[in-house]
Every structure is written in structure tokens, then in C-alpha cells.
Amino acid sequence: MATVRPSIAVCDAPCKSHYFIMAGKVEWLPAFSNAMATSVMRSQIARHAIVDTKRRSWSSRVRATIARAYNKLKSILQM
């Protein structure tokens, strides 16, 4: 069953929903207030802007690919 980390936040929708998916089950968290949703969105945008400006080395990209493949295989075998 699927597990999604970190939590999922829908800050730009009217519902401001926030939840985890753990072993295929949705665990709902309290909805964000407008102020919290704005703060979360701003911090995510800033984090992505910083990451996008950094050039990752070839070895770093290879390690990330191997880690993704390992996690995918692990999740398949835990069926």
C-alpha cells in the first residue's frame, strides 16, 4: 500500500486540506488557516527556488536515481 511523505497540503484550494497517506489510508489533519496556508506556500516556493538554482553533480544525480529505484523496489516487495 502506498505511503506518501511528507504530508500533502492543498493550500491553494478553498478547502485548505492537509493529510498524510500511510499504507494506503488517508489520515486527515486540521485544515490550514488562510495565514498558515500563505506561509506554507511562500516557504515551499522559496525552498524550490533555492534548490533550482543549485546545480547538482553527476554523482549526486546518480545517487538520487539509485535511491528512488531502491525505494520503488522496496515498496513493490512490501505488497
N, C-alpha and C. Protein backbone atom coordinates (compact mmCIF):
# COMPACT_ATOMS: atom_id res chain seq x y z
N MET A 1 0.84 -1.18 0.00
CA MET A 1 0.00 0.00 0.00
C MET A 1 0.89 1.25 0.00
N ALA A 2 0.40 2.28 -0.62
CA ALA A 2 1.18 3.50 -0.79
C ALA A 2 1.29 4.30 0.50
N THR A 3 2.47 4.90 0.67
CA THR A 3 2.72 5.86 1.75
C THR A 3 3.35 7.07 1.11
N VAL A 4 2.83 8.25 1.44
CA VAL A 4 3.34 9.49 0.87
C VAL A 4 3.88 10.36 2.00
N ARG A 5 5.15 10.74 1.88
CA ARG A 5 5.78 11.62 2.85
C ARG A 5 6.46 12.73 2.11
N PRO A 6 6.46 13.94 2.54
CA PRO A 6 5.78 14.46 3.73
C PRO A 6 4.28 14.55 3.51
N SER A 7 3.60 15.22 4.41
CA SER A 7 2.16 15.35 4.28
C SER A 7 1.81 16.11 3.01
N ILE A 8 0.58 15.99 2.60
CA ILE A 8 0.08 16.68 1.41
C ILE A 8 -0.79 17.85 1.88
N ALA A 9 -0.48 19.02 1.38
CA ALA A 9 -1.24 20.21 1.73
C ALA A 9 -1.77 20.84 0.45
N VAL A 10 -3.06 21.12 0.42
CA VAL A 10 -3.67 21.76 -0.74
C VAL A 10 -3.98 23.20 -0.33
N CYS A 11 -2.93 23.99 -0.27
CA CYS A 11 -3.05 25.36 0.25
C CYS A 11 -3.72 26.32 -0.72
N ASP A 12 -3.70 26.03 -2.00
CA ASP A 12 -4.27 26.96 -2.97
C ASP A 12 -5.73 26.66 -3.30
N ALA A 13 -6.31 25.68 -2.65
CA ALA A 13 -7.73 25.35 -2.86
C ALA A 13 -8.55 25.93 -1.70
N PRO A 14 -9.82 26.17 -1.93
CA PRO A 14 -10.66 26.73 -0.85
C PRO A 14 -10.71 25.86 0.40
N CYS A 15 -10.57 24.54 0.25
CA CYS A 15 -10.69 23.65 1.40
C CYS A 15 -9.47 23.69 2.31
N LYS A 16 -8.30 24.10 1.79
CA LYS A 16 -7.05 24.14 2.56
C LYS A 16 -6.78 22.80 3.24
N SER A 17 -7.07 21.69 2.55
CA SER A 17 -6.93 20.37 3.16
C SER A 17 -5.47 20.01 3.39
N HIS A 18 -5.27 19.13 4.36
CA HIS A 18 -3.93 18.73 4.78
C HIS A 18 -4.04 17.30 5.28
N TYR A 19 -3.22 16.39 4.72
CA TYR A 19 -3.36 14.98 5.09
C TYR A 19 -2.09 14.19 4.80
N PHE A 20 -2.00 13.02 5.42
CA PHE A 20 -0.96 12.03 5.17
C PHE A 20 -1.61 10.84 4.48
N ILE A 21 -0.85 10.12 3.69
CA ILE A 21 -1.29 8.81 3.20
C ILE A 21 -0.30 7.81 3.77
N MET A 22 -0.81 6.92 4.61
CA MET A 22 0.03 5.93 5.28
C MET A 22 -0.55 4.55 5.00
N ALA A 23 0.23 3.71 4.33
CA ALA A 23 -0.20 2.34 3.99
C ALA A 23 -1.55 2.35 3.28
N GLY A 24 -1.72 3.30 2.37
CA GLY A 24 -2.93 3.36 1.57
C GLY A 24 -4.13 3.99 2.24
N LYS A 25 -3.98 4.43 3.48
CA LYS A 25 -5.09 5.05 4.20
C LYS A 25 -4.82 6.54 4.38
N VAL A 26 -5.86 7.34 4.22
CA VAL A 26 -5.73 8.79 4.36
C VAL A 26 -5.96 9.18 5.81
N GLU A 27 -5.01 9.93 6.37
CA GLU A 27 -5.14 10.46 7.73
C GLU A 27 -5.29 11.97 7.60
N TRP A 28 -6.50 12.46 7.82
CA TRP A 28 -6.79 13.88 7.66
C TRP A 28 -6.27 14.66 8.84
N LEU A 29 -5.71 15.80 8.57
CA LEU A 29 -5.24 16.72 9.59
C LEU A 29 -6.12 17.96 9.55
N PRO A 30 -6.07 18.80 10.59
CA PRO A 30 -6.87 20.02 10.56
C PRO A 30 -6.51 20.88 9.35
N ALA A 31 -7.50 21.51 8.76
CA ALA A 31 -7.27 22.38 7.61
C ALA A 31 -6.42 23.58 8.03
N PHE A 32 -5.63 24.09 7.09
CA PHE A 32 -4.83 25.28 7.35
C PHE A 32 -5.72 26.51 7.39
N SER A 33 -5.33 27.46 8.24
CA SER A 33 -5.96 28.78 8.19
C SER A 33 -5.42 29.48 6.95
N ASN A 34 -6.05 30.58 6.55
CA ASN A 34 -5.55 31.33 5.38
C ASN A 34 -4.11 31.79 5.60
N ALA A 35 -3.81 32.28 6.82
CA ALA A 35 -2.47 32.77 7.12
C ALA A 35 -1.44 31.64 7.06
N MET A 36 -1.80 30.49 7.63
CA MET A 36 -0.88 29.34 7.61
C MET A 36 -0.68 28.84 6.18
N ALA A 37 -1.74 28.77 5.40
CA ALA A 37 -1.64 28.32 4.01
C ALA A 37 -0.71 29.24 3.22
N THR A 38 -0.85 30.54 3.41
CA THR A 38 0.01 31.51 2.73
C THR A 38 1.46 31.32 3.14
N SER A 39 1.69 31.12 4.43
CA SER A 39 3.05 30.93 4.94
C SER A 39 3.68 29.65 4.38
N VAL A 40 2.91 28.58 4.36
CA VAL A 40 3.41 27.30 3.83
C VAL A 40 3.76 27.43 2.35
N MET A 41 2.88 28.05 1.58
CA MET A 41 3.13 28.21 0.15
C MET A 41 4.37 29.07 -0.11
N ARG A 42 4.53 30.14 0.64
CA ARG A 42 5.71 31.00 0.46
C ARG A 42 6.99 30.25 0.78
N SER A 43 6.99 29.48 1.88
CA SER A 43 8.21 28.75 2.24
C SER A 43 8.52 27.66 1.22
N GLN A 44 7.50 27.00 0.68
CA GLN A 44 7.74 25.98 -0.35
C GLN A 44 8.30 26.60 -1.63
N ILE A 45 7.76 27.73 -2.02
CA ILE A 45 8.26 28.41 -3.22
C ILE A 45 9.71 28.83 -3.01
N ALA A 46 10.01 29.38 -1.84
CA ALA A 46 11.38 29.80 -1.55
C ALA A 46 12.33 28.61 -1.56
N ARG A 47 11.90 27.50 -0.96
CA ARG A 47 12.75 26.29 -0.92
C ARG A 47 13.01 25.77 -2.33
N HIS A 48 11.99 25.74 -3.17
CA HIS A 48 12.17 25.27 -4.55
C HIS A 48 13.06 26.23 -5.34
N ALA A 49 12.93 27.52 -5.11
CA ALA A 49 13.76 28.50 -5.82
C ALA A 49 15.23 28.31 -5.47
N ILE A 50 15.52 28.02 -4.22
CA ILE A 50 16.90 27.79 -3.79
C ILE A 50 17.44 26.51 -4.41
N VAL A 51 16.66 25.44 -4.35
CA VAL A 51 17.10 24.15 -4.91
C VAL A 51 17.31 24.25 -6.41
N ASP A 52 16.43 24.95 -7.09
CA ASP A 52 16.53 25.07 -8.55
C ASP A 52 17.78 25.81 -8.99
N THR A 53 18.31 26.70 -8.15
CA THR A 53 19.50 27.45 -8.53
C THR A 53 20.78 26.66 -8.33
N LYS A 54 20.72 25.60 -7.52
CA LYS A 54 21.91 24.78 -7.27
C LYS A 54 22.05 23.71 -8.34
N ARG A 55 23.21 23.62 -8.92
CA ARG A 55 23.49 22.59 -9.92
C ARG A 55 23.97 21.36 -9.18
N ARG A 56 23.27 20.26 -9.37
CA ARG A 56 23.65 19.01 -8.72
C ARG A 56 24.72 18.30 -9.54
N SER A 57 25.67 17.71 -8.85
CA SER A 57 26.74 16.99 -9.53
C SER A 57 26.20 15.71 -10.16
N TRP A 58 26.98 15.18 -11.08
CA TRP A 58 26.61 13.93 -11.75
C TRP A 58 26.46 12.82 -10.72
N SER A 59 27.40 12.70 -9.80
CA SER A 59 27.34 11.63 -8.79
C SER A 59 26.13 11.80 -7.88
N SER A 60 25.77 13.04 -7.58
CA SER A 60 24.59 13.28 -6.75
C SER A 60 23.32 12.83 -7.47
N ARG A 61 23.24 13.10 -8.77
CA ARG A 61 22.07 12.67 -9.54
C ARG A 61 22.01 11.14 -9.63
N VAL A 62 23.17 10.48 -9.77
CA VAL A 62 23.20 9.02 -9.83
C VAL A 62 22.73 8.44 -8.49
N ARG A 63 23.24 8.99 -7.38
CA ARG A 63 22.82 8.50 -6.05
C ARG A 63 21.32 8.68 -5.86
N ALA A 64 20.78 9.80 -6.29
CA ALA A 64 19.34 10.05 -6.15
C ALA A 64 18.54 9.07 -6.99
N THR A 65 19.01 8.76 -8.19
CA THR A 65 18.32 7.78 -9.05
C THR A 65 18.34 6.40 -8.42
N ILE A 66 19.48 6.00 -7.88
CA ILE A 66 19.59 4.70 -7.22
C ILE A 66 18.67 4.65 -6.00
N ALA A 67 18.63 5.72 -5.23
CA ALA A 67 17.76 5.76 -4.04
C ALA A 67 16.30 5.64 -4.43
N ARG A 68 15.88 6.33 -5.51
CA ARG A 68 14.49 6.23 -5.97
C ARG A 68 14.17 4.81 -6.42
N ALA A 69 15.10 4.20 -7.16
CA ALA A 69 14.87 2.82 -7.64
C ALA A 69 14.79 1.86 -6.46
N TYR A 70 15.64 2.03 -5.47
CA TYR A 70 15.63 1.18 -4.27
C TYR A 70 14.30 1.33 -3.53
N ASN A 71 13.85 2.57 -3.33
CA ASN A 71 12.59 2.80 -2.62
C ASN A 71 11.41 2.23 -3.39
N LYS A 72 11.44 2.33 -4.72
CA LYS A 72 10.36 1.77 -5.55
C LYS A 72 10.33 0.26 -5.40
N LEU A 73 11.50 -0.37 -5.50
CA LEU A 73 11.59 -1.83 -5.35
C LEU A 73 11.13 -2.26 -3.96
N LYS A 74 11.55 -1.53 -2.94
CA LYS A 74 11.15 -1.84 -1.56
C LYS A 74 9.64 -1.76 -1.41
N SER A 75 9.02 -0.73 -2.00
CA SER A 75 7.57 -0.58 -1.89
C SER A 75 6.83 -1.69 -2.65
N ILE A 76 7.39 -2.13 -3.76
CA ILE A 76 6.77 -3.23 -4.53
C ILE A 76 6.84 -4.53 -3.73
N LEU A 77 7.97 -4.79 -3.11
CA LEU A 77 8.16 -6.04 -2.37
C LEU A 77 7.37 -6.09 -1.07
N GLN A 78 6.91 -4.95 -0.59
CA GLN A 78 6.13 -4.92 0.66
C GLN A 78 4.65 -5.10 0.40
N MET A 79 4.27 -5.44 -0.81
CA MET A 79 2.86 -5.64 -1.16
C MET A 79 2.33 -6.70 -0.30
